[in-house]
């Protein structure tokens, strides 16, 4: 039982320390690159709304296909700009261990 308590304390300390370090990296000052990326993301979003609001019934098949290609490329670019949440393998293993221990 003592080993389990020690292991749980060690895992919790590691998780808390890891999350505080991740938060420290995110809280950095905004750069012009981030501003340009958000501006580009806004223009892409506006273009998607324009395409969505279009009356597509009057378009030919080729024009509709071009619009679909454009929407796909915009969505790919938005994923690149958006970033996301990244978890390291160690963090995933710790989370799985915590779930196993708690459940």
PDB file of N, CA and C in Angstrom:
ATOM      1  N   UNK A   1       0.821  -1.188   0.000  1.00  0.00           N
ATOM      2  CA  UNK A   1       0.000   0.000   0.000  1.00  0.00           C
ATOM      3  C   UNK A   1       0.867   1.255   0.000  1.00  0.00           C
ATOM      4  N   UNK A   2       2.012   1.212   0.713  1.00  0.00           N
ATOM      5  CA  UNK A   2       2.893   2.360   0.761  1.00  0.00           C
ATOM      6  C   UNK A   2       3.501   2.629  -0.617  1.00  0.00           C
ATOM      7  N   UNK A   3       3.812   1.549  -1.334  1.00  0.00           N
ATOM      8  CA  UNK A   3       4.376   1.709  -2.672  1.00  0.00           C
ATOM      9  C   UNK A   3       3.365   2.358  -3.601  1.00  0.00           C
ATOM     10  N   UNK A   4       2.123   1.961  -3.489  1.00  0.00           N
ATOM     11  CA  UNK A   4       1.070   2.521  -4.329  1.00  0.00           C
ATOM     12  C   UNK A   4       0.881   4.012  -4.035  1.00  0.00           C
ATOM     13  N   UNK A   5       0.902   4.396  -2.780  1.00  0.00           N
ATOM     14  CA  UNK A   5       0.770   5.798  -2.394  1.00  0.00           C
ATOM     15  C   UNK A   5       1.964   6.604  -2.906  1.00  0.00           C
ATOM     16  N   UNK A   6       3.155   6.065  -2.776  1.00  0.00           N
ATOM     17  CA  UNK A   6       4.353   6.739  -3.250  1.00  0.00           C
ATOM     18  C   UNK A   6       4.310   6.898  -4.767  1.00  0.00           C
ATOM     19  N   UNK A   7       3.904   5.856  -5.465  1.00  0.00           N
ATOM     20  CA  UNK A   7       3.805   5.905  -6.922  1.00  0.00           C
ATOM     21  C   UNK A   7       2.763   6.936  -7.358  1.00  0.00           C
ATOM     22  N   UNK A   8       1.632   6.939  -6.714  1.00  0.00           N
ATOM     23  CA  UNK A   8       0.579   7.895  -7.045  1.00  0.00           C
ATOM     24  C   UNK A   8       1.050   9.326  -6.803  1.00  0.00           C
ATOM     25  N   UNK A   9       1.739   9.577  -5.699  1.00  0.00           N
ATOM     26  CA  UNK A   9       2.267  10.914  -5.404  1.00  0.00           C
ATOM     27  C   UNK A   9       3.288  11.331  -6.453  1.00  0.00           C
ATOM     28  N   UNK A  10       4.151  10.437  -6.827  1.00  0.00           N
ATOM     29  CA  UNK A  10       5.168  10.729  -7.839  1.00  0.00           C
ATOM     30  C   UNK A  10       4.524  11.048  -9.187  1.00  0.00           C
ATOM     31  N   UNK A  11       3.533  10.274  -9.579  1.00  0.00           N
ATOM     32  CA  UNK A  11       2.841  10.508 -10.850  1.00  0.00           C
ATOM     33  C   UNK A  11       2.111  11.847 -10.819  1.00  0.00           C
ATOM     34  N   UNK A  12       1.442  12.157  -9.736  1.00  0.00           N
ATOM     35  CA  UNK A  12       0.731  13.437  -9.636  1.00  0.00           C
ATOM     36  C   UNK A  12       1.709  14.608  -9.704  1.00  0.00           C
ATOM     37  N   UNK A  13       2.850  14.503  -9.038  1.00  0.00           N
ATOM     38  CA  UNK A  13       3.851  15.567  -9.086  1.00  0.00           C
ATOM     39  C   UNK A  13       4.344  15.760 -10.511  1.00  0.00           C
ATOM     40  N   UNK A  14       4.586  14.673 -11.217  1.00  0.00           N
ATOM     41  CA  UNK A  14       5.057  14.754 -12.600  1.00  0.00           C
ATOM     42  C   UNK A  14       4.012  15.400 -13.502  1.00  0.00           C
ATOM     43  N   UNK A  15       2.776  15.023 -13.325  1.00  0.00           N
ATOM     44  CA  UNK A  15       1.703  15.587 -14.150  1.00  0.00           C
ATOM     45  C   UNK A  15       1.534  17.072 -13.882  1.00  0.00           C
ATOM     46  N   UNK A  16       1.504  17.452 -12.624  1.00  0.00           N
ATOM     47  CA  UNK A  16       1.328  18.866 -12.272  1.00  0.00           C
ATOM     48  C   UNK A  16       2.488  19.694 -12.790  1.00  0.00           C
ATOM     49  N   UNK A  17       3.686  19.204 -12.655  1.00  0.00           N
ATOM     50  CA  UNK A  17       4.858  19.923 -13.148  1.00  0.00           C
ATOM     51  C   UNK A  17       4.815  20.039 -14.668  1.00  0.00           C
ATOM     52  N   UNK A  18       4.436  18.980 -15.336  1.00  0.00           N
ATOM     53  CA  UNK A  18       4.362  19.003 -16.799  1.00  0.00           C
ATOM     54  C   UNK A  18       3.331  19.986 -17.303  1.00  0.00           C
ATOM     55  N   UNK A  19       2.172  20.045 -16.682  1.00  0.00           N
ATOM     56  CA  UNK A  19       1.128  20.967 -17.124  1.00  0.00           C
ATOM     57  C   UNK A  19       1.511  22.414 -16.848  1.00  0.00           C
ATOM     58  N   UNK A  20       2.203  22.674 -15.746  1.00  0.00           N
ATOM     59  CA  UNK A  20       2.602  24.053 -15.471  1.00  0.00           C
ATOM     60  C   UNK A  20       3.639  24.518 -16.478  1.00  0.00           C
ATOM     61  N   UNK A  21       4.500  23.631 -16.935  1.00  0.00           N
ATOM     62  CA  UNK A  21       5.478  23.991 -17.956  1.00  0.00           C
ATOM     63  C   UNK A  21       4.794  24.232 -19.293  1.00  0.00           C
ATOM     64  N   UNK A  22       3.805  23.434 -19.617  1.00  0.00           N
ATOM     65  CA  UNK A  22       3.082  23.635 -20.865  1.00  0.00           C
ATOM     66  C   UNK A  22       2.356  24.970 -20.834  1.00  0.00           C
ATOM     67  N   UNK A  23       1.786  25.331 -19.720  1.00  0.00           N
ATOM     68  CA  UNK A  23       1.069  26.584 -19.612  1.00  0.00           C
ATOM     69  C   UNK A  23       2.020  27.769 -19.727  1.00  0.00           C
ATOM     70  N   UNK A  24       3.207  27.641 -19.188  1.00  0.00           N
ATOM     71  CA  UNK A  24       4.180  28.719 -19.249  1.00  0.00           C
ATOM     72  C   UNK A  24       4.577  29.004 -20.692  1.00  0.00           C
ATOM     73  N   UNK A  25       4.673  27.983 -21.528  1.00  0.00           N
ATOM     74  CA  UNK A  25       5.033  28.182 -22.924  1.00  0.00           C
ATOM     75  C   UNK A  25       3.920  28.890 -23.694  1.00  0.00           C
ATOM     76  N   UNK A  26       2.695  28.580 -23.391  1.00  0.00           N
ATOM     77  CA  UNK A  26       1.566  29.144 -24.117  1.00  0.00           C
ATOM     78  C   UNK A  26       1.358  30.617 -23.777  1.00  0.00           C
ATOM     79  N   UNK A  27       1.712  31.039 -22.591  1.00  0.00           N
ATOM     80  CA  UNK A  27       1.411  32.377 -22.125  1.00  0.00           C
ATOM     81  C   UNK A  27       2.404  33.435 -22.610  1.00  0.00           C
ATOM     82  N   UNK A  28       3.190  33.120 -23.638  1.00  0.00           N
ATOM     83  CA  UNK A  28       4.172  34.070 -24.149  1.00  0.00           C
ATOM     84  C   UNK A  28       3.500  35.247 -24.844  1.00  0.00           C
ATOM     85  N   UNK A  29       4.276  36.292 -25.133  1.00  0.00           N
ATOM     86  CA  UNK A  29       3.707  37.479 -25.777  1.00  0.00           C
ATOM     87  C   UNK A  29       3.296  37.185 -27.218  1.00  0.00           C
ATOM     88  N   UNK A  30       2.293  37.901 -27.680  1.00  0.00           N
ATOM     89  CA  UNK A  30       1.816  37.723 -29.052  1.00  0.00           C
ATOM     90  C   UNK A  30       2.831  38.325 -30.015  1.00  0.00           C
ATOM     91  N   UNK A  31       3.043  37.652 -31.120  1.00  0.00           N
ATOM     92  CA  UNK A  31       3.999  38.133 -32.113  1.00  0.00           C
ATOM     93  C   UNK A  31       3.266  38.566 -33.357  1.00  0.00           C
ATOM     94  N   UNK A  32       3.994  39.209 -34.249  1.00  0.00           N
ATOM     95  CA  UNK A  32       3.376  39.636 -35.500  1.00  0.00           C
ATOM     96  C   UNK A  32       3.016  38.444 -36.368  1.00  0.00           C
ATOM     97  N   UNK A  33       3.763  37.341 -36.199  1.00  0.00           N
ATOM     98  CA  UNK A  33       3.451  36.129 -36.951  1.00  0.00           C
ATOM     99  C   UNK A  33       2.092  35.585 -36.533  1.00  0.00           C
ATOM    100  N   UNK A  34       1.807  35.599 -35.223  1.00  0.00           N
ATOM    101  CA  UNK A  34       0.504  35.148 -34.738  1.00  0.00           C
ATOM    102  C   UNK A  34      -0.602  36.067 -35.240  1.00  0.00           C
ATOM    103  N   UNK A  35      -0.333  37.360 -35.276  1.00  0.00           N
ATOM    104  CA  UNK A  35      -1.333  38.311 -35.750  1.00  0.00           C
ATOM    105  C   UNK A  35      -1.618  38.083 -37.229  1.00  0.00           C
ATOM    106  N   UNK A  36      -0.571  37.831 -38.002  1.00  0.00           N
ATOM    107  CA  UNK A  36      -0.754  37.573 -39.428  1.00  0.00           C
ATOM    108  C   UNK A  36      -1.505  36.259 -39.649  1.00  0.00           C
ATOM    109  N   UNK A  37      -1.205  35.259 -38.822  1.00  0.00           N
ATOM    110  CA  UNK A  37      -1.874  33.969 -38.951  1.00  0.00           C
ATOM    111  C   UNK A  37      -3.357  34.093 -38.610  1.00  0.00           C
ATOM    112  N   UNK A  38      -3.681  34.856 -37.568  1.00  0.00           N
ATOM    113  CA  UNK A  38      -5.090  35.013 -37.213  1.00  0.00           C
ATOM    114  C   UNK A  38      -5.829  35.831 -38.275  1.00  0.00           C
ATOM    115  N   UNK A  39      -5.139  36.809 -38.866  1.00  0.00           N
ATOM    116  CA  UNK A  39      -5.766  37.587 -39.935  1.00  0.00           C
ATOM    117  C   UNK A  39      -6.029  36.708 -41.151  1.00  0.00           C
ATOM    118  N   UNK A  40      -5.064  35.862 -41.489  1.00  0.00           N
ATOM    119  CA  UNK A  40      -5.237  34.934 -42.620  1.00  0.00           C
ATOM    120  C   UNK A  40      -6.370  33.954 -42.322  1.00  0.00           C
ATOM    121  N   UNK A  41      -6.438  33.463 -41.107  1.00  0.00           N
ATOM    122  CA  UNK A  41      -7.503  32.538 -40.720  1.00  0.00           C
ATOM    123  C   UNK A  41      -8.869  33.213 -40.840  1.00  0.00           C
ATOM    124  N   UNK A  42      -8.938  34.485 -40.477  1.00  0.00           N
ATOM    125  CA  UNK A  42     -10.204  35.211 -40.578  1.00  0.00           C
ATOM    126  C   UNK A  42     -10.627  35.377 -42.037  1.00  0.00           C
ATOM    127  N   UNK A  43      -9.672  35.685 -42.925  1.00  0.00           N
ATOM    128  CA  UNK A  43     -10.021  35.827 -44.344  1.00  0.00           C
ATOM    129  C   UNK A  43     -10.458  34.491 -44.930  1.00  0.00           C
ATOM    130  N   UNK A  44      -9.806  33.402 -44.515  1.00  0.00           N
ATOM    131  CA  UNK A  44     -10.211  32.074 -44.999  1.00  0.00           C
ATOM    132  C   UNK A  44     -11.607  31.710 -44.495  1.00  0.00           C
ATOM    133  N   UNK A  45     -11.888  32.044 -43.250  1.00  0.00           N
ATOM    134  CA  UNK A  45     -13.209  31.774 -42.693  1.00  0.00           C
ATOM    135  C   UNK A  45     -14.282  32.568 -43.431  1.00  0.00           C
ATOM    136  N   UNK A  46     -13.979  33.825 -43.722  1.00  0.00           N
ATOM    137  CA  UNK A  46     -14.937  34.637 -44.480  1.00  0.00           C
ATOM    138  C   UNK A  46     -15.190  34.048 -45.859  1.00  0.00           C
ATOM    139  N   UNK A  47     -14.133  33.551 -46.501  1.00  0.00           N
ATOM    140  CA  UNK A  47     -14.295  32.941 -47.825  1.00  0.00           C
ATOM    141  C   UNK A  47     -15.164  31.686 -47.735  1.00  0.00           C
ATOM    142  N   UNK A  48     -14.980  30.897 -46.692  1.00  0.00           N
ATOM    143  CA  UNK A  48     -15.823  29.708 -46.515  1.00  0.00           C
ATOM    144  C   UNK A  48     -17.292  30.087 -46.352  1.00  0.00           C
ATOM    145  N   UNK A  49     -17.549  31.164 -45.596  1.00  0.00           N
ATOM    146  CA  UNK A  49     -18.933  31.616 -45.438  1.00  0.00           C
ATOM    147  C   UNK A  49     -19.507  32.123 -46.764  1.00  0.00           C
ATOM    148  N   UNK A  50     -18.674  32.783 -47.567  1.00  0.00           N
ATOM    149  CA  UNK A  50     -19.132  33.243 -48.880  1.00  0.00           C
ATOM    150  C   UNK A  50     -19.520  32.064 -49.756  1.00  0.00           C
ATOM    151  N   UNK A  51     -18.689  31.038 -49.758  1.00  0.00           N
ATOM    152  CA  UNK A  51     -18.981  29.853 -50.565  1.00  0.00           C
ATOM    153  C   UNK A  51     -20.243  29.171 -50.060  1.00  0.00           C
ATOM    154  N   UNK A  52     -20.404  29.120 -48.744  1.00  0.00           N
ATOM    155  CA  UNK A  52     -21.590  28.481 -48.170  1.00  0.00           C
ATOM    156  C   UNK A  52     -22.870  29.231 -48.553  1.00  0.00           C
ATOM    157  N   UNK A  53     -22.804  30.557 -48.602  1.00  0.00           N
ATOM    158  CA  UNK A  53     -23.984  31.364 -48.895  1.00  0.00           C
ATOM    159  C   UNK A  53     -24.293  31.473 -50.388  1.00  0.00           C
ATOM    160  N   UNK A  54     -23.401  30.956 -51.240  1.00  0.00           N
ATOM    161  CA  UNK A  54     -23.625  31.047 -52.685  1.00  0.00           C
ATOM    162  C   UNK A  54     -24.827  30.220 -53.116  1.00  0.00           C
ATOM    163  N   UNK A  55     -25.452  30.652 -54.211  1.00  0.00           N
ATOM    164  CA  UNK A  55     -26.498  29.859 -54.833  1.00  0.00           C
ATOM    165  C   UNK A  55     -25.820  28.925 -55.830  1.00  0.00           C
ATOM    166  N   UNK A  56     -25.647  27.688 -55.440  1.00  0.00           N
ATOM    167  CA  UNK A  56     -24.882  26.745 -56.251  1.00  0.00           C
ATOM    168  C   UNK A  56     -25.719  26.053 -57.322  1.00  0.00           C
ATOM    169  N   UNK A  57     -27.012  26.287 -57.328  1.00  0.00           N
ATOM    170  CA  UNK A  57     -27.863  25.623 -58.317  1.00  0.00           C
ATOM    171  C   UNK A  57     -27.617  26.153 -59.728  1.00  0.00           C
ATOM    172  N   UNK A  58     -27.149  27.381 -59.841  1.00  0.00           N
ATOM    173  CA  UNK A  58     -26.907  27.959 -61.155  1.00  0.00           C
ATOM    174  C   UNK A  58     -25.512  27.649 -61.687  1.00  0.00           C
ATOM    175  N   UNK A  59     -24.675  27.011 -60.892  1.00  0.00           N
ATOM    176  CA  UNK A  59     -23.303  26.732 -61.309  1.00  0.00           C
ATOM    177  C   UNK A  59     -23.228  25.448 -62.124  1.00  0.00           C
ATOM    178  N   UNK A  60     -22.239  25.388 -63.003  1.00  0.00           N
ATOM    179  CA  UNK A  60     -22.025  24.163 -63.779  1.00  0.00           C
ATOM    180  C   UNK A  60     -21.270  23.157 -62.910  1.00  0.00           C
ATOM    181  N   UNK A  61     -21.150  21.933 -63.424  1.00  0.00           N
ATOM    182  CA  UNK A  61     -20.490  20.875 -62.661  1.00  0.00           C
ATOM    183  C   UNK A  61     -19.017  21.209 -62.432  1.00  0.00           C
ATOM    184  N   UNK A  62     -18.372  21.781 -63.436  1.00  0.00           N
ATOM    185  CA  UNK A  62     -16.964  22.145 -63.286  1.00  0.00           C
ATOM    186  C   UNK A  62     -16.749  23.223 -62.241  1.00  0.00           C
ATOM    187  N   UNK A  63     -17.647  24.210 -62.212  1.00  0.00           N
ATOM    188  CA  UNK A  63     -17.537  25.276 -61.213  1.00  0.00           C
ATOM    189  C   UNK A  63     -17.764  24.737 -59.803  1.00  0.00           C
ATOM    190  N   UNK A  64     -18.707  23.809 -59.669  1.00  0.00           N
ATOM    191  CA  UNK A  64     -18.950  23.202 -58.358  1.00  0.00           C
ATOM    192  C   UNK A  64     -17.735  22.406 -57.903  1.00  0.00           C
ATOM    193  N   UNK A  65     -17.093  21.714 -58.843  1.00  0.00           N
ATOM    194  CA  UNK A  65     -15.902  20.940 -58.501  1.00  0.00           C
ATOM    195  C   UNK A  65     -14.764  21.861 -58.063  1.00  0.00           C
ATOM    196  N   UNK A  66     -14.608  22.997 -58.735  1.00  0.00           N
ATOM    197  CA  UNK A  66     -13.585  23.965 -58.347  1.00  0.00           C
ATOM    198  C   UNK A  66     -13.850  24.511 -56.944  1.00  0.00           C
ATOM    199  N   UNK A  67     -15.125  24.763 -56.639  1.00  0.00           N
ATOM    200  CA  UNK A  67     -15.471  25.240 -55.297  1.00  0.00           C
ATOM    201  C   UNK A  67     -15.146  24.197 -54.234  1.00  0.00           C
ATOM    202  N   UNK A  68     -15.441  22.919 -54.533  1.00  0.00           N
ATOM    203  CA  UNK A  68     -15.128  21.856 -53.575  1.00  0.00           C
ATOM    204  C   UNK A  68     -13.621  21.763 -53.336  1.00  0.00           C
ATOM    205  N   UNK A  69     -12.837  21.880 -54.410  1.00  0.00           N
ATOM    206  CA  UNK A  69     -11.380  21.851 -54.269  1.00  0.00           C
ATOM    207  C   UNK A  69     -10.894  23.034 -53.432  1.00  0.00           C
ATOM    208  N   UNK A  70     -11.493  24.194 -53.668  1.00  0.00           N
ATOM    209  CA  UNK A  70     -11.108  25.378 -52.913  1.00  0.00           C
ATOM    210  C   UNK A  70     -11.437  25.214 -51.428  1.00  0.00           C
ATOM    211  N   UNK A  71     -12.607  24.660 -51.150  1.00  0.00           N
ATOM    212  CA  UNK A  71     -13.002  24.445 -49.750  1.00  0.00           C
ATOM    213  C   UNK A  71     -12.049  23.462 -49.079  1.00  0.00           C
ATOM    214  N   UNK A  72     -11.682  22.393 -49.767  1.00  0.00           N
ATOM    215  CA  UNK A  72     -10.739  21.427 -49.195  1.00  0.00           C
ATOM    216  C   UNK A  72      -9.392  22.072 -48.905  1.00  0.00           C
ATOM    217  N   UNK A  73      -8.895  22.871 -49.847  1.00  0.00           N
ATOM    218  CA  UNK A  73      -7.592  23.512 -49.632  1.00  0.00           C
ATOM    219  C   UNK A  73      -7.657  24.527 -48.495  1.00  0.00           C
ATOM    220  N   UNK A  74      -8.767  25.244 -48.387  1.00  0.00           N
ATOM    221  CA  UNK A  74      -8.927  26.203 -47.289  1.00  0.00           C
ATOM    222  C   UNK A  74      -8.942  25.471 -45.952  1.00  0.00           C
ATOM    223  N   UNK A  75      -9.648  24.353 -45.883  1.00  0.00           N
ATOM    224  CA  UNK A  75      -9.722  23.599 -44.628  1.00  0.00           C
ATOM    225  C   UNK A  75      -8.360  23.035 -44.243  1.00  0.00           C
ATOM    226  N   UNK A  76      -7.567  22.575 -45.234  1.00  0.00           N
ATOM    227  CA  UNK A  76      -6.221  22.092 -44.934  1.00  0.00           C
ATOM    228  C   UNK A  76      -5.352  23.220 -44.386  1.00  0.00           C
ATOM    229  N   UNK A  77      -5.451  24.397 -45.005  1.00  0.00           N
ATOM    230  CA  UNK A  77      -4.662  25.526 -44.550  1.00  0.00           C
ATOM    231  C   UNK A  77      -5.098  25.969 -43.154  1.00  0.00           C
ATOM    232  N   UNK A  78      -6.392  25.913 -42.875  1.00  0.00           N
ATOM    233  CA  UNK A  78      -6.887  26.282 -41.547  1.00  0.00           C
ATOM    234  C   UNK A  78      -6.343  25.327 -40.483  1.00  0.00           C
ATOM    235  N   UNK A  79      -6.224  24.032 -40.821  1.00  0.00           N
ATOM    236  CA  UNK A  79      -5.667  23.081 -39.863  1.00  0.00           C
ATOM    237  C   UNK A  79      -4.212  23.399 -39.565  1.00  0.00           C
ATOM    238  N   UNK A  80      -3.463  23.820 -40.592  1.00  0.00           N
ATOM    239  CA  UNK A  80      -2.060  24.173 -40.381  1.00  0.00           C
ATOM    240  C   UNK A  80      -1.938  25.415 -39.511  1.00  0.00           C
ATOM    241  N   UNK A  81      -2.797  26.389 -39.727  1.00  0.00           N
ATOM    242  CA  UNK A  81      -2.751  27.627 -38.955  1.00  0.00           C
ATOM    243  C   UNK A  81      -3.215  27.384 -37.523  1.00  0.00           C
ATOM    244  N   UNK A  82      -4.242  26.561 -37.361  1.00  0.00           N
ATOM    245  CA  UNK A  82      -4.892  26.380 -36.067  1.00  0.00           C
ATOM    246  C   UNK A  82      -4.010  25.808 -34.983  1.00  0.00           C
ATOM    247  N   UNK A  83      -3.020  25.031 -35.344  1.00  0.00           N
ATOM    248  CA  UNK A  83      -2.185  24.427 -34.299  1.00  0.00           C
ATOM    249  C   UNK A  83      -2.930  23.291 -33.650  1.00  0.00           C
ATOM    250  N   UNK A  84      -3.108  23.339 -32.364  1.00  0.00           N
ATOM    251  CA  UNK A  84      -3.827  22.295 -31.672  1.00  0.00           C
ATOM    252  C   UNK A  84      -3.156  21.967 -30.353  1.00  0.00           C
ATOM    253  N   UNK A  85      -3.661  20.950 -29.712  1.00  0.00           N
ATOM    254  CA  UNK A  85      -3.109  20.510 -28.447  1.00  0.00           C
ATOM    255  C   UNK A  85      -2.248  19.285 -28.733  1.00  0.00           C
ATOM    256  N   UNK A  86      -1.005  19.354 -28.318  1.00  0.00           N
ATOM    257  CA  UNK A  86      -0.086  18.249 -28.533  1.00  0.00           C
ATOM    258  C   UNK A  86       0.270  17.631 -27.201  1.00  0.00           C
ATOM    259  N   UNK A  87       0.183  16.319 -27.144  1.00  0.00           N
ATOM    260  CA  UNK A  87       0.557  15.589 -25.940  1.00  0.00           C
ATOM    261  C   UNK A  87       1.745  14.693 -26.268  1.00  0.00           C
ATOM    262  N   UNK A  88       2.711  14.684 -25.394  1.00  0.00           N
ATOM    263  CA  UNK A  88       3.850  13.809 -25.598  1.00  0.00           C
ATOM    264  C   UNK A  88       3.453  12.383 -25.232  1.00  0.00           C
ATOM    265  N   UNK A  89       4.304  11.455 -25.630  1.00  0.00           N
ATOM    266  CA  UNK A  89       4.035  10.050 -25.332  1.00  0.00           C
ATOM    267  C   UNK A  89       4.061   9.830 -23.826  1.00  0.00           C
ATOM    268  N   UNK A  90       4.987  10.500 -23.147  1.00  0.00           N
ATOM    269  CA  UNK A  90       5.070  10.359 -21.692  1.00  0.00           C
ATOM    270  C   UNK A  90       3.812  10.843 -20.997  1.00  0.00           C
ATOM    271  N   UNK A  91       3.255  11.955 -21.484  1.00  0.00           N
ATOM    272  CA  UNK A  91       2.027  12.479 -20.884  1.00  0.00           C
ATOM    273  C   UNK A  91       0.867  11.510 -21.104  1.00  0.00           C
ATOM    274  N   UNK A  92       0.809  10.926 -22.269  1.00  0.00           N
ATOM    275  CA  UNK A  92      -0.270   9.959 -22.549  1.00  0.00           C
ATOM    276  C   UNK A  92      -0.139   8.744 -21.650  1.00  0.00           C
ATOM    277  N   UNK A  93       1.078   8.259 -21.463  1.00  0.00           N
ATOM    278  CA  UNK A  93       1.297   7.096 -20.593  1.00  0.00           C
ATOM    279  C   UNK A  93       0.900   7.432 -19.157  1.00  0.00           C
ATOM    280  N   UNK A  94       1.260   8.609 -18.697  1.00  0.00           N
ATOM    281  CA  UNK A  94       0.898   9.009 -17.328  1.00  0.00           C
ATOM    282  C   UNK A  94      -0.613   9.109 -17.174  1.00  0.00           C
ATOM    283  N   UNK A  95      -1.276   9.659 -18.160  1.00  0.00           N
ATOM    284  CA  UNK A  95      -2.739   9.760 -18.100  1.00  0.00           C
ATOM    285  C   UNK A  95      -3.373   8.379 -18.056  1.00  0.00           C
ATOM    286  N   UNK A  96      -2.862   7.467 -18.869  1.00  0.00           N
ATOM    287  CA  UNK A  96      -3.396   6.096 -18.877  1.00  0.00           C
ATOM    288  C   UNK A  96      -3.158   5.432 -17.522  1.00  0.00           C
ATOM    289  N   UNK A  97      -1.967   5.612 -16.960  1.00  0.00           N
ATOM    290  CA  UNK A  97      -1.690   5.038 -15.643  1.00  0.00           C
ATOM    291  C   UNK A  97      -2.611   5.610 -14.573  1.00  0.00           C
ATOM    292  N   UNK A  98      -2.838   6.898 -14.629  1.00  0.00           N
ATOM    293  CA  UNK A  98      -3.758   7.505 -13.662  1.00  0.00           C
ATOM    294  C   UNK A  98      -5.163   6.941 -13.802  1.00  0.00           C
ATOM    295  N   UNK A  99      -5.613   6.785 -15.032  1.00  0.00           N
ATOM    296  CA  UNK A  99      -6.941   6.207 -15.232  1.00  0.00           C
ATOM    297  C   UNK A  99      -7.027   4.784 -14.705  1.00  0.00           C
ATOM    298  N   UNK A 100      -5.974   4.028 -14.923  1.00  0.00           N
ATOM    299  CA  UNK A 100      -5.964   2.645 -14.425  1.00  0.00           C
ATOM    300  C   UNK A 100      -5.975   2.632 -12.896  1.00  0.00           C
ATOM    301  N   UNK A 101      -5.176   3.494 -12.288  1.00  0.00           N
ATOM    302  CA  UNK A 101      -5.103   3.522 -10.834  1.00  0.00           C
ATOM    303  C   UNK A 101      -6.397   4.017 -10.192  1.00  0.00           C
ATOM    304  N   UNK A 102      -7.007   5.006 -10.814  1.00  0.00           N
ATOM    305  CA  UNK A 102      -8.214   5.584 -10.229  1.00  0.00           C
ATOM    306  C   UNK A 102      -9.463   4.742 -10.498  1.00  0.00           C
ATOM    307  N   UNK A 103      -9.457   3.993 -11.553  1.00  0.00           N
ATOM    308  CA  UNK A 103     -10.643   3.197 -11.865  1.00  0.00           C
ATOM    309  C   UNK A 103     -10.387   1.780 -11.505  1.00  0.00           C
TER     310      UNK A 103
END
